[in-house]
Amino acid sequence: MTDHIRIRDADGTWVIRAGGAVLGESDRALELTEGDYAPVIYFPREDIAMAFLEPTDHSSTCPHKGAASYFSIVTKSTVLENAAWSYENPKDGVATIKGYVAFYATPQVAVEAL
């Protein structure tokens, strides 16, 4: 793992909600802390209703984690563009997050501990 990134099991059960729907709930989530940034919760794909997520063409690259792929959240009432991301082939130091998806916490997207 890189010097300024820490990944650990997230305590308790976590839920992701958007557009009035529960997109996922997990007691196997990971918490990634990078430098001075707020911790980010990563959900295992198996615990997310992936039918709500639509891959987009957007991407970004982190020098420590690698290339990120993005998803829009599609609900009955709205599409939240590029609201989630995943590292399909993360760098060796953070390989633990492979197969996990993180979400931007916004007024429309709630990432919460139960």
PDB file of N, CA and C in Angstrom:
ATOM      1  N   MET A   1       0.849  -1.172   0.000  1.00  0.00           N
ATOM      2  CA  MET A   1       0.000   0.000   0.000  1.00  0.00           C
ATOM      3  C   MET A   1       0.899   1.241   0.000  1.00  0.00           C
ATOM      4  N   THR A   2       0.423   2.292  -0.595  1.00  0.00           N
ATOM      5  CA  THR A   2       1.214   3.517  -0.618  1.00  0.00           C
ATOM      6  C   THR A   2       1.270   4.116   0.780  1.00  0.00           C
ATOM      7  N   ASP A   3       2.216   5.007   0.977  1.00  0.00           N
ATOM      8  CA  ASP A   3       2.435   5.581   2.306  1.00  0.00           C
ATOM      9  C   ASP A   3       1.254   6.379   2.846  1.00  0.00           C
ATOM     10  N   HIS A   4       0.515   7.035   1.974  1.00  0.00           N
ATOM     11  CA  HIS A   4      -0.543   7.920   2.466  1.00  0.00           C
ATOM     12  C   HIS A   4      -1.955   7.369   2.229  1.00  0.00           C
ATOM     13  N   ILE A   5      -2.070   6.109   1.823  1.00  0.00           N
ATOM     14  CA  ILE A   5      -3.382   5.488   1.641  1.00  0.00           C
ATOM     15  C   ILE A   5      -3.521   4.338   2.631  1.00  0.00           C
ATOM     16  N   ARG A   6      -4.638   4.337   3.329  1.00  0.00           N
ATOM     17  CA  ARG A   6      -4.924   3.262   4.286  1.00  0.00           C
ATOM     18  C   ARG A   6      -6.279   2.664   3.947  1.00  0.00           C
ATOM     19  N   ILE A   7      -6.333   1.340   3.866  1.00  0.00           N
ATOM     20  CA  ILE A   7      -7.596   0.643   3.595  1.00  0.00           C
ATOM     21  C   ILE A   7      -7.850  -0.305   4.758  1.00  0.00           C
ATOM     22  N   ARG A   8      -9.064  -0.225   5.276  1.00  0.00           N
ATOM     23  CA  ARG A   8      -9.428  -1.125   6.380  1.00  0.00           C
ATOM     24  C   ARG A   8     -10.886  -1.508   6.229  1.00  0.00           C
ATOM     25  N   ASP A   9     -11.300  -2.530   6.948  1.00  0.00           N
ATOM     26  CA  ASP A   9     -12.716  -2.898   6.966  1.00  0.00           C
ATOM     27  C   ASP A   9     -13.495  -1.753   7.602  1.00  0.00           C
ATOM     28  N   ALA A  10     -14.584  -1.353   6.967  1.00  0.00           N
ATOM     29  CA  ALA A  10     -15.447  -0.316   7.527  1.00  0.00           C
ATOM     30  C   ALA A  10     -16.278  -0.932   8.644  1.00  0.00           C
ATOM     31  N   ASP A  11     -16.316  -0.289   9.783  1.00  0.00           N
ATOM     32  CA  ASP A  11     -17.070  -0.812  10.924  1.00  0.00           C
ATOM     33  C   ASP A  11     -18.558  -0.810  10.630  1.00  0.00           C
ATOM     34  N   GLY A  12     -19.238  -1.882  11.006  1.00  0.00           N
ATOM     35  CA  GLY A  12     -20.690  -1.939  10.931  1.00  0.00           C
ATOM     36  C   GLY A  12     -21.232  -2.203   9.546  1.00  0.00           C
ATOM     37  N   THR A  13     -22.488  -1.833   9.364  1.00  0.00           N
ATOM     38  CA  THR A  13     -23.199  -2.020   8.099  1.00  0.00           C
ATOM     39  C   THR A  13     -23.389  -0.659   7.446  1.00  0.00           C
ATOM     40  N   TRP A  14     -23.147  -0.608   6.146  1.00  0.00           N
ATOM     41  CA  TRP A  14     -23.250   0.625   5.370  1.00  0.00           C
ATOM     42  C   TRP A  14     -24.318   0.484   4.310  1.00  0.00           C
ATOM     43  N   VAL A  15     -24.970   1.618   3.995  1.00  0.00           N
ATOM     44  CA  VAL A  15     -26.022   1.631   2.984  1.00  0.00           C
ATOM     45  C   VAL A  15     -25.762   2.777   2.016  1.00  0.00           C
ATOM     46  N   ILE A  16     -26.160   2.558   0.770  1.00  0.00           N
ATOM     47  CA  ILE A  16     -26.112   3.601  -0.252  1.00  0.00           C
ATOM     48  C   ILE A  16     -27.525   3.800  -0.774  1.00  0.00           C
ATOM     49  N   ARG A  17     -27.997   5.091  -0.753  1.00  0.00           N
ATOM     50  CA  ARG A  17     -29.355   5.419  -1.203  1.00  0.00           C
ATOM     51  C   ARG A  17     -29.293   6.539  -2.227  1.00  0.00           C
ATOM     52  N   ALA A  18     -30.173   6.448  -3.222  1.00  0.00           N
ATOM     53  CA  ALA A  18     -30.308   7.523  -4.218  1.00  0.00           C
ATOM     54  C   ALA A  18     -31.686   7.438  -4.846  1.00  0.00           C
ATOM     55  N   GLY A  19     -32.277   8.589  -5.118  1.00  0.00           N
ATOM     56  CA  GLY A  19     -33.574   8.627  -5.778  1.00  0.00           C
ATOM     57  C   GLY A  19     -34.660   7.865  -5.065  1.00  0.00           C
ATOM     58  N   GLY A  20     -34.589   7.811  -3.746  1.00  0.00           N
ATOM     59  CA  GLY A  20     -35.597   7.107  -2.968  1.00  0.00           C
ATOM     60  C   GLY A  20     -35.403   5.598  -2.920  1.00  0.00           C
ATOM     61  N   ALA A  21     -34.326   5.090  -3.502  1.00  0.00           N
ATOM     62  CA  ALA A  21     -34.084   3.642  -3.534  1.00  0.00           C
ATOM     63  C   ALA A  21     -32.813   3.293  -2.765  1.00  0.00           C
ATOM     64  N   VAL A  22     -32.811   2.124  -2.160  1.00  0.00           N
ATOM     65  CA  VAL A  22     -31.603   1.587  -1.550  1.00  0.00           C
ATOM     66  C   VAL A  22     -30.850   0.861  -2.665  1.00  0.00           C
ATOM     67  N   LEU A  23     -29.660   1.329  -2.969  1.00  0.00           N
ATOM     68  CA  LEU A  23     -28.847   0.718  -4.025  1.00  0.00           C
ATOM     69  C   LEU A  23     -27.989  -0.424  -3.503  1.00  0.00           C
ATOM     70  N   GLY A  24     -27.701  -0.383  -2.223  1.00  0.00           N
ATOM     71  CA  GLY A  24     -26.885  -1.444  -1.647  1.00  0.00           C
ATOM     72  C   GLY A  24     -26.774  -1.313  -0.155  1.00  0.00           C
ATOM     73  N   GLU A  25     -26.462  -2.439   0.460  1.00  0.00           N
ATOM     74  CA  GLU A  25     -26.237  -2.504   1.903  1.00  0.00           C
ATOM     75  C   GLU A  25     -25.167  -3.551   2.127  1.00  0.00           C
ATOM     76  N   SER A  26     -24.188  -3.226   2.962  1.00  0.00           N
ATOM     77  CA  SER A  26     -23.086  -4.155   3.139  1.00  0.00           C
ATOM     78  C   SER A  26     -22.482  -4.077   4.528  1.00  0.00           C
ATOM     79  N   ASP A  27     -22.117  -5.238   5.036  1.00  0.00           N
ATOM     80  CA  ASP A  27     -21.312  -5.311   6.251  1.00  0.00           C
ATOM     81  C   ASP A  27     -19.886  -5.733   5.884  1.00  0.00           C
ATOM     82  N   ARG A  28     -19.581  -5.656   4.569  1.00  0.00           N
ATOM     83  CA  ARG A  28     -18.247  -6.014   4.068  1.00  0.00           C
ATOM     84  C   ARG A  28     -17.587  -4.831   3.356  1.00  0.00           C
ATOM     85  N   ALA A  29     -18.067  -3.618   3.630  1.00  0.00           N
ATOM     86  CA  ALA A  29     -17.520  -2.422   2.981  1.00  0.00           C
ATOM     87  C   ALA A  29     -16.097  -2.150   3.474  1.00  0.00           C
ATOM     88  N   LEU A  30     -15.357  -1.414   2.659  1.00  0.00           N
ATOM     89  CA  LEU A  30     -14.006  -0.991   3.009  1.00  0.00           C
ATOM     90  C   LEU A  30     -13.977   0.517   3.157  1.00  0.00           C
ATOM     91  N   GLU A  31     -13.125   0.993   4.051  1.00  0.00           N
ATOM     92  CA  GLU A  31     -12.910   2.426   4.221  1.00  0.00           C
ATOM     93  C   GLU A  31     -11.510   2.757   3.729  1.00  0.00           C
ATOM     94  N   LEU A  32     -11.432   3.655   2.739  1.00  0.00           N
ATOM     95  CA  LEU A  32     -10.145   4.083   2.204  1.00  0.00           C
ATOM     96  C   LEU A  32      -9.899   5.509   2.652  1.00  0.00           C
ATOM     97  N   THR A  33      -8.771   5.720   3.299  1.00  0.00           N
ATOM     98  CA  THR A  33      -8.360   7.048   3.721  1.00  0.00           C
ATOM     99  C   THR A  33      -7.094   7.397   2.953  1.00  0.00           C
ATOM    100  N   GLU A  34      -7.120   8.560   2.297  1.00  0.00           N
ATOM    101  CA  GLU A  34      -5.987   9.003   1.488  1.00  0.00           C
ATOM    102  C   GLU A  34      -5.568  10.394   1.931  1.00  0.00           C
ATOM    103  N   GLY A  35      -4.376  10.483   2.512  1.00  0.00           N
ATOM    104  CA  GLY A  35      -3.863  11.775   2.957  1.00  0.00           C
ATOM    105  C   GLY A  35      -4.830  12.479   3.884  1.00  0.00           C
ATOM    106  N   ASP A  36      -5.107  13.745   3.580  1.00  0.00           N
ATOM    107  CA  ASP A  36      -6.001  14.560   4.407  1.00  0.00           C
ATOM    108  C   ASP A  36      -7.447  14.544   3.936  1.00  0.00           C
ATOM    109  N   TYR A  37      -7.741  13.754   2.881  1.00  0.00           N
ATOM    110  CA  TYR A  37      -9.116  13.678   2.369  1.00  0.00           C
ATOM    111  C   TYR A  37     -10.008  12.914   3.340  1.00  0.00           C
ATOM    112  N   ALA A  38     -11.304  13.196   3.267  1.00  0.00           N
ATOM    113  CA  ALA A  38     -12.267  12.453   4.080  1.00  0.00           C
ATOM    114  C   ALA A  38     -12.266  10.985   3.648  1.00  0.00           C
ATOM    115  N   PRO A  39     -12.507  10.063   4.569  1.00  0.00           N
ATOM    116  CA  PRO A  39     -12.559   8.642   4.203  1.00  0.00           C
ATOM    117  C   PRO A  39     -13.654   8.379   3.166  1.00  0.00           C
ATOM    118  N   VAL A  40     -13.406   7.410   2.304  1.00  0.00           N
ATOM    119  CA  VAL A  40     -14.364   6.999   1.276  1.00  0.00           C
ATOM    120  C   VAL A  40     -14.729   5.542   1.529  1.00  0.00           C
ATOM    121  N   ILE A  41     -16.021   5.247   1.467  1.00  0.00           N
ATOM    122  CA  ILE A  41     -16.515   3.884   1.670  1.00  0.00           C
ATOM    123  C   ILE A  41     -16.642   3.205   0.306  1.00  0.00           C
ATOM    124  N   TYR A  42     -16.063   2.035   0.191  1.00  0.00           N
ATOM    125  CA  TYR A  42     -16.135   1.214  -1.022  1.00  0.00           C
ATOM    126  C   TYR A  42     -17.013   0.000  -0.730  1.00  0.00           C
ATOM    127  N   PHE A  43     -18.006  -0.224  -1.601  1.00  0.00           N
ATOM    128  CA  PHE A  43     -18.961  -1.321  -1.455  1.00  0.00           C
ATOM    129  C   PHE A  43     -18.596  -2.463  -2.392  1.00  0.00           C
ATOM    130  N   PRO A  44     -18.632  -3.719  -1.911  1.00  0.00           N
ATOM    131  CA  PRO A  44     -18.430  -4.840  -2.827  1.00  0.00           C
ATOM    132  C   PRO A  44     -19.564  -4.879  -3.854  1.00  0.00           C
ATOM    133  N   ARG A  45     -19.225  -5.138  -5.105  1.00  0.00           N
ATOM    134  CA  ARG A  45     -20.244  -5.167  -6.161  1.00  0.00           C
ATOM    135  C   ARG A  45     -21.375  -6.139  -5.845  1.00  0.00           C
ATOM    136  N   GLU A  46     -21.055  -7.228  -5.181  1.00  0.00           N
ATOM    137  CA  GLU A  46     -22.074  -8.233  -4.865  1.00  0.00           C
ATOM    138  C   GLU A  46     -23.155  -7.689  -3.946  1.00  0.00           C
ATOM    139  N   ASP A  47     -22.857  -6.607  -3.240  1.00  0.00           N
ATOM    140  CA  ASP A  47     -23.803  -6.026  -2.289  1.00  0.00           C
ATOM    141  C   ASP A  47     -24.520  -4.796  -2.849  1.00  0.00           C
ATOM    142  N   ILE A  48     -24.335  -4.520  -4.135  1.00  0.00           N
ATOM    143  CA  ILE A  48     -24.961  -3.366  -4.786  1.00  0.00           C
ATOM    144  C   ILE A  48     -25.912  -3.865  -5.866  1.00  0.00           C
ATOM    145  N   ALA A  49     -27.045  -3.194  -6.004  1.00  0.00           N
ATOM    146  CA  ALA A  49     -27.959  -3.479  -7.121  1.00  0.00           C
ATOM    147  C   ALA A  49     -27.369  -2.807  -8.360  1.00  0.00           C
ATOM    148  N   MET A  50     -26.481  -3.530  -9.045  1.00  0.00           N
ATOM    149  CA  MET A  50     -25.748  -2.970 -10.174  1.00  0.00           C
ATOM    150  C   MET A  50     -26.672  -2.550 -11.318  1.00  0.00           C
ATOM    151  N   ALA A  51     -27.920  -3.010 -11.331  1.00  0.00           N
ATOM    152  CA  ALA A  51     -28.874  -2.610 -12.367  1.00  0.00           C
ATOM    153  C   ALA A  51     -29.139  -1.103 -12.320  1.00  0.00           C
ATOM    154  N   PHE A  52     -28.898  -0.457 -11.163  1.00  0.00           N
ATOM    155  CA  PHE A  52     -29.068   0.990 -11.037  1.00  0.00           C
ATOM    156  C   PHE A  52     -27.882   1.769 -11.596  1.00  0.00           C
ATOM    157  N   LEU A  53     -26.767   1.071 -11.859  1.00  0.00           N
ATOM    158  CA  LEU A  53     -25.553   1.749 -12.302  1.00  0.00           C
ATOM    159  C   LEU A  53     -25.313   1.510 -13.789  1.00  0.00           C
ATOM    160  N   GLU A  54     -25.056   2.601 -14.493  1.00  0.00           N
ATOM    161  CA  GLU A  54     -24.788   2.527 -15.931  1.00  0.00           C
ATOM    162  C   GLU A  54     -23.376   3.043 -16.188  1.00  0.00           C
ATOM    163  N   PRO A  55     -22.503   2.209 -16.781  1.00  0.00           N
ATOM    164  CA  PRO A  55     -21.136   2.669 -17.067  1.00  0.00           C
ATOM    165  C   PRO A  55     -21.156   3.900 -17.973  1.00  0.00           C
ATOM    166  N   THR A  56     -20.216   4.814 -17.749  1.00  0.00           N
ATOM    167  CA  THR A  56     -20.094   5.999 -18.596  1.00  0.00           C
ATOM    168  C   THR A  56     -18.733   5.978 -19.283  1.00  0.00           C
ATOM    169  N   ASP A  57     -18.515   6.932 -20.152  1.00  0.00           N
ATOM    170  CA  ASP A  57     -17.226   7.048 -20.836  1.00  0.00           C
ATOM    171  C   ASP A  57     -16.209   7.826 -20.014  1.00  0.00           C
ATOM    172  N   HIS A  58     -16.645   8.395 -18.913  1.00  0.00           N
ATOM    173  CA  HIS A  58     -15.746   9.202 -18.083  1.00  0.00           C
ATOM    174  C   HIS A  58     -14.713   8.310 -17.407  1.00  0.00           C
ATOM    175  N   SER A  59     -13.504   8.826 -17.267  1.00  0.00           N
ATOM    176  CA  SER A  59     -12.460   8.113 -16.545  1.00  0.00           C
ATOM    177  C   SER A  59     -11.507   9.131 -15.926  1.00  0.00           C
ATOM    178  N   SER A  60     -10.742   8.676 -14.982  1.00  0.00           N
ATOM    179  CA  SER A  60      -9.701   9.505 -14.384  1.00  0.00           C
ATOM    180  C   SER A  60      -8.569   8.582 -13.953  1.00  0.00           C
ATOM    181  N   THR A  61      -7.432   9.177 -13.662  1.00  0.00           N
ATOM    182  CA  THR A  61      -6.281   8.386 -13.238  1.00  0.00           C
ATOM    183  C   THR A  61      -5.694   8.976 -11.973  1.00  0.00           C
ATOM    184  N   CYS A  62      -5.480   8.124 -11.008  1.00  0.00           N
ATOM    185  CA  CYS A  62      -4.819   8.494  -9.761  1.00  0.00           C
ATOM    186  C   CYS A  62      -3.422   7.884  -9.797  1.00  0.00           C
ATOM    187  N   PRO A  63      -2.388   8.648  -9.487  1.00  0.00           N
ATOM    188  CA  PRO A  63      -1.041   8.080  -9.533  1.00  0.00           C
ATOM    189  C   PRO A  63      -0.822   6.953  -8.515  1.00  0.00           C
ATOM    190  N   HIS A  64      -1.674   6.887  -7.505  1.00  0.00           N
ATOM    191  CA  HIS A  64      -1.506   5.880  -6.453  1.00  0.00           C
ATOM    192  C   HIS A  64      -2.449   4.692  -6.594  1.00  0.00           C
ATOM    193  N   LYS A  65      -3.636   4.936  -7.185  1.00  0.00           N
ATOM    194  CA  LYS A  65      -4.632   3.859  -7.283  1.00  0.00           C
ATOM    195  C   LYS A  65      -4.789   3.315  -8.700  1.00  0.00           C
ATOM    196  N   GLY A  66      -4.525   4.131  -9.708  1.00  0.00           N
ATOM    197  CA  GLY A  66      -4.655   3.688 -11.090  1.00  0.00           C
ATOM    198  C   GLY A  66      -5.813   4.359 -11.803  1.00  0.00           C
ATOM    199  N   ALA A  67      -6.332   3.694 -12.838  1.00  0.00           N
ATOM    200  CA  ALA A  67      -7.412   4.245 -13.666  1.00  0.00           C
ATOM    201  C   ALA A  67      -8.771   3.925 -13.054  1.00  0.00           C
ATOM    202  N   ALA A  68      -9.607   4.950 -12.950  1.00  0.00           N
ATOM    203  CA  ALA A  68     -10.964   4.786 -12.406  1.00  0.00           C
ATOM    204  C   ALA A  68     -11.977   4.830 -13.535  1.00  0.00           C
ATOM    205  N   SER A  69     -12.938   3.920 -13.473  1.00  0.00           N
ATOM    206  CA  SER A  69     -14.092   3.912 -14.378  1.00  0.00           C
ATOM    207  C   SER A  69     -15.276   4.454 -13.599  1.00  0.00           C
ATOM    208  N   TYR A  70     -16.198   5.124 -14.307  1.00  0.00           N
ATOM    209  CA  TYR A  70     -17.315   5.779 -13.638  1.00  0.00           C
ATOM    210  C   TYR A  70     -18.659   5.194 -14.058  1.00  0.00           C
ATOM    211  N   PHE A  71     -19.638   5.418 -13.177  1.00  0.00           N
ATOM    212  CA  PHE A  71     -21.010   4.964 -13.397  1.00  0.00           C
ATOM    213  C   PHE A  71     -21.969   6.104 -13.091  1.00  0.00           C
ATOM    214  N   SER A  72     -23.049   6.169 -13.841  1.00  0.00           N
ATOM    215  CA  SER A  72     -24.160   7.043 -13.487  1.00  0.00           C
ATOM    216  C   SER A  72     -25.182   6.199 -12.732  1.00  0.00           C
ATOM    217  N   ILE A  73     -25.865   6.826 -11.797  1.00  0.00           N
ATOM    218  CA  ILE A  73     -26.945   6.159 -11.076  1.00  0.00           C
ATOM    219  C   ILE A  73     -28.243   6.496 -11.802  1.00  0.00           C
ATOM    220  N   VAL A  74     -28.973   5.466 -12.194  1.00  0.00           N
ATOM    221  CA  VAL A  74     -30.229   5.649 -12.914  1.00  0.00           C
ATOM    222  C   VAL A  74     -31.367   5.230 -11.989  1.00  0.00           C
ATOM    223  N   THR A  75     -32.218   6.208 -11.648  1.00  0.00           N
ATOM    224  CA  THR A  75     -33.375   5.924 -10.797  1.00  0.00           C
ATOM    225  C   THR A  75     -34.644   6.233 -11.592  1.00  0.00           C
ATOM    226  N   LYS A  76     -35.799   6.015 -10.981  1.00  0.00           N
ATOM    227  CA  LYS A  76     -37.070   6.309 -11.653  1.00  0.00           C
ATOM    228  C   LYS A  76     -37.187   7.778 -12.034  1.00  0.00           C
ATOM    229  N   SER A  77     -36.641   8.648 -11.196  1.00  0.00           N
ATOM    230  CA  SER A  77     -36.861  10.074 -11.394  1.00  0.00           C
ATOM    231  C   SER A  77     -35.685  10.842 -11.983  1.00  0.00           C
ATOM    232  N   THR A  78     -34.492  10.259 -11.984  1.00  0.00           N
ATOM    233  CA  THR A  78     -33.332  11.041 -12.422  1.00  0.00           C
ATOM    234  C   THR A  78     -32.157  10.153 -12.818  1.00  0.00           C
ATOM    235  N   VAL A  79     -31.195  10.769 -13.474  1.00  0.00           N
ATOM    236  CA  VAL A  79     -29.904  10.135 -13.760  1.00  0.00           C
ATOM    237  C   VAL A  79     -28.838  11.015 -13.115  1.00  0.00           C
ATOM    238  N   LEU A  80     -28.065  10.427 -12.237  1.00  0.00           N
ATOM    239  CA  LEU A  80     -26.996  11.145 -11.548  1.00  0.00           C
ATOM    240  C   LEU A  80     -25.686  10.778 -12.244  1.00  0.00           C
ATOM    241  N   GLU A  81     -25.215  11.682 -13.082  1.00  0.00           N
ATOM    242  CA  GLU A  81     -24.055  11.426 -13.935  1.00  0.00           C
ATOM    243  C   GLU A  81     -22.773  11.225 -13.125  1.00  0.00           C
ATOM    244  N   ASN A  82     -22.035  10.203 -13.486  1.00  0.00           N
ATOM    245  CA  ASN A  82     -20.710   9.933 -12.907  1.00  0.00           C
ATOM    246  C   ASN A  82     -20.711  10.005 -11.378  1.00  0.00           C
ATOM    247  N   ALA A  83     -21.713   9.408 -10.771  1.00  0.00           N
ATOM    248  CA  ALA A  83     -21.897   9.481  -9.323  1.00  0.00           C
ATOM    249  C   ALA A  83     -21.157   8.397  -8.550  1.00  0.00           C
ATOM    250  N   ALA A  84     -20.587   7.430  -9.278  1.00  0.00           N
ATOM    251  CA  ALA A  84     -19.877   6.327  -8.632  1.00  0.00           C
ATOM    252  C   ALA A  84     -18.654   5.978  -9.471  1.00  0.00           C
ATOM    253  N   TRP A  85     -17.676   5.362  -8.830  1.00  0.00           N
ATOM    254  CA  TRP A  85     -16.475   4.969  -9.555  1.00  0.00           C
ATOM    255  C   TRP A  85     -15.909   3.667  -9.004  1.00  0.00           C
ATOM    256  N   SER A  86     -15.053   3.061  -9.828  1.00  0.00           N
ATOM    257  CA  SER A  86     -14.434   1.794  -9.467  1.00  0.00           C
ATOM    258  C   SER A  86     -13.060   1.711 -10.110  1.00  0.00           C
ATOM    259  N   TYR A  87     -12.141   1.078  -9.443  1.00  0.00           N
ATOM    260  CA  TYR A  87     -10.823   0.801 -10.011  1.00  0.00           C
ATOM    261  C   TYR A  87     -10.826  -0.653 -10.461  1.00  0.00           C
ATOM    262  N   GLU A  88     -10.982  -0.856 -11.762  1.00  0.00           N
ATOM    263  CA  GLU A  88     -11.097  -2.215 -12.309  1.00  0.00           C
ATOM    264  C   GLU A  88      -9.790  -2.989 -12.157  1.00  0.00           C
ATOM    265  N   ASN A  89      -8.680  -2.300 -12.314  1.00  0.00           N
ATOM    266  CA  ASN A  89      -7.352  -2.907 -12.175  1.00  0.00           C
ATOM    267  C   ASN A  89      -6.467  -1.978 -11.351  1.00  0.00           C
ATOM    268  N   PRO A  90      -6.748  -1.905 -10.043  1.00  0.00           N
ATOM    269  CA  PRO A  90      -5.991  -0.973  -9.206  1.00  0.00           C
ATOM    270  C   PRO A  90      -4.522  -1.375  -9.108  1.00  0.00           C
ATOM    271  N   LYS A  91      -3.708  -0.412  -8.753  1.00  0.00           N
ATOM    272  CA  LYS A  91      -2.283  -0.671  -8.555  1.00  0.00           C
ATOM    273  C   LYS A  91      -2.109  -1.654  -7.393  1.00  0.00           C
ATOM    274  N   ASP A  92      -0.982  -2.336  -7.405  1.00  0.00           N
ATOM    275  CA  ASP A  92      -0.733  -3.396  -6.424  1.00  0.00           C
ATOM    276  C   ASP A  92      -0.924  -2.951  -4.980  1.00  0.00           C
ATOM    277  N   GLY A  93      -0.504  -1.754  -4.635  1.00  0.00           N
ATOM    278  CA  GLY A  93      -0.585  -1.294  -3.256  1.00  0.00           C
ATOM    279  C   GLY A  93      -1.997  -1.115  -2.731  1.00  0.00           C
ATOM    280  N   VAL A  94      -2.986  -1.064  -3.640  1.00  0.00           N
ATOM    281  CA  VAL A  94      -4.382  -0.881  -3.234  1.00  0.00           C
ATOM    282  C   VAL A  94      -5.292  -1.937  -3.879  1.00  0.00           C
ATOM    283  N   ALA A  95      -4.724  -3.080  -4.208  1.00  0.00           N
ATOM    284  CA  ALA A  95      -5.463  -4.141  -4.915  1.00  0.00           C
ATOM    285  C   ALA A  95      -6.707  -4.588  -4.170  1.00  0.00           C
ATOM    286  N   THR A  96      -6.777  -4.325  -2.878  1.00  0.00           N
ATOM    287  CA  THR A  96      -7.931  -4.710  -2.061  1.00  0.00           C
ATOM    288  C   THR A  96      -9.237  -4.121  -2.585  1.00  0.00           C
ATOM    289  N   ILE A  97      -9.190  -2.951  -3.245  1.00  0.00           N
ATOM    290  CA  ILE A  97     -10.425  -2.299  -3.702  1.00  0.00           C
ATOM    291  C   ILE A  97     -10.928  -2.817  -5.046  1.00  0.00           C
ATOM    292  N   LYS A  98     -10.227  -3.770  -5.641  1.00  0.00           N
ATOM    293  CA  LYS A  98     -10.707  -4.356  -6.900  1.00  0.00           C
ATOM    294  C   LYS A  98     -12.050  -5.049  -6.637  1.00  0.00           C
ATOM    295  N   GLY A  99     -13.028  -4.805  -7.500  1.00  0.00           N
ATOM    296  CA  GLY A  99     -14.353  -5.388  -7.321  1.00  0.00           C
ATOM    297  C   GLY A  99     -15.256  -4.579  -6.399  1.00  0.00           C
ATOM    298  N   TYR A 100     -14.814  -3.388  -6.024  1.00  0.00           N
ATOM    299  CA  TYR A 100     -15.582  -2.514  -5.140  1.00  0.00           C
ATOM    300  C   TYR A 100     -15.967  -1.244  -5.886  1.00  0.00           C
ATOM    301  N   VAL A 101     -17.039  -0.601  -5.437  1.00  0.00           N
ATOM    302  CA  VAL A 101     -17.527   0.637  -6.039  1.00  0.00           C
ATOM    303  C   VAL A 101     -17.696   1.670  -4.926  1.00  0.00           C
ATOM    304  N   ALA A 102     -17.273   2.909  -5.210  1.00  0.00           N
ATOM    305  CA  ALA A 102     -17.446   4.021  -4.276  1.00  0.00           C
ATOM    306  C   ALA A 102     -18.409   5.029  -4.886  1.00  0.00           C
ATOM    307  N   PHE A 103     -19.027   5.822  -4.033  1.00  0.00           N
ATOM    308  CA  PHE A 103     -20.048   6.785  -4.457  1.00  0.00           C
ATOM    309  C   PHE A 103     -19.717   8.161  -3.907  1.00  0.00           C
ATOM    310  N   TYR A 104     -19.975   9.197  -4.713  1.00  0.00           N
ATOM    311  CA  TYR A 104     -19.872  10.564  -4.226  1.00  0.00           C
ATOM    312  C   TYR A 104     -21.075  10.826  -3.322  1.00  0.00           C
ATOM    313  N   ALA A 105     -20.809  11.194  -2.079  1.00  0.00           N
ATOM    314  CA  ALA A 105     -21.900  11.573  -1.164  1.00  0.00           C
ATOM    315  C   ALA A 105     -22.326  12.998  -1.520  1.00  0.00           C
ATOM    316  N   THR A 106     -23.573  13.153  -1.922  1.00  0.00           N
ATOM    317  CA  THR A 106     -24.121  14.448  -2.321  1.00  0.00           C
ATOM    318  C   THR A 106     -25.519  14.566  -1.712  1.00  0.00           C
ATOM    319  N   PRO A 107     -26.190  15.687  -1.908  1.00  0.00           N
ATOM    320  CA  PRO A 107     -27.570  15.768  -1.426  1.00  0.00           C
ATOM    321  C   PRO A 107     -28.487  14.705  -2.060  1.00  0.00           C
ATOM    322  N   GLN A 108     -28.137  14.209  -3.247  1.00  0.00           N
ATOM    323  CA  GLN A 108     -28.954  13.205  -3.918  1.00  0.00           C
ATOM    324  C   GLN A 108     -28.503  11.769  -3.634  1.00  0.00           C
ATOM    325  N   VAL A 109     -27.297  11.606  -3.095  1.00  0.00           N
ATOM    326  CA  VAL A 109     -26.728  10.275  -2.843  1.00  0.00           C
ATOM    327  C   VAL A 109     -26.270  10.209  -1.396  1.00  0.00           C
ATOM    328  N   ALA A 110     -26.825   9.275  -0.647  1.00  0.00           N
ATOM    329  CA  ALA A 110     -26.460   9.120   0.764  1.00  0.00           C
ATOM    330  C   ALA A 110     -25.633   7.858   0.951  1.00  0.00           C
ATOM    331  N   VAL A 111     -24.489   8.014   1.582  1.00  0.00           N
ATOM    332  CA  VAL A 111     -23.633   6.889   1.992  1.00  0.00           C
ATOM    333  C   VAL A 111     -23.618   6.955   3.509  1.00  0.00           C
ATOM    334  N   GLU A 112     -24.257   5.964   4.160  1.00  0.00           N
ATOM    335  CA  GLU A 112     -24.471   6.061   5.604  1.00  0.00           C
ATOM    336  C   GLU A 112     -24.180   4.757   6.330  1.00  0.00           C
ATOM    337  N   ALA A 113     -23.703   4.894   7.540  1.00  0.00           N
ATOM    338  CA  ALA A 113     -23.581   3.751   8.432  1.00  0.00           C
ATOM    339  C   ALA A 113     -24.938   3.545   9.100  1.00  0.00           C
ATOM    340  N   LEU A 114     -25.363   2.288   9.189  1.00  0.00           N
ATOM    341  CA  LEU A 114     -26.635   1.993   9.868  1.00  0.00           C
ATOM    342  C   LEU A 114     -26.412   1.813  11.353  1.00  0.00           C
TER     343      LEU A 114
END
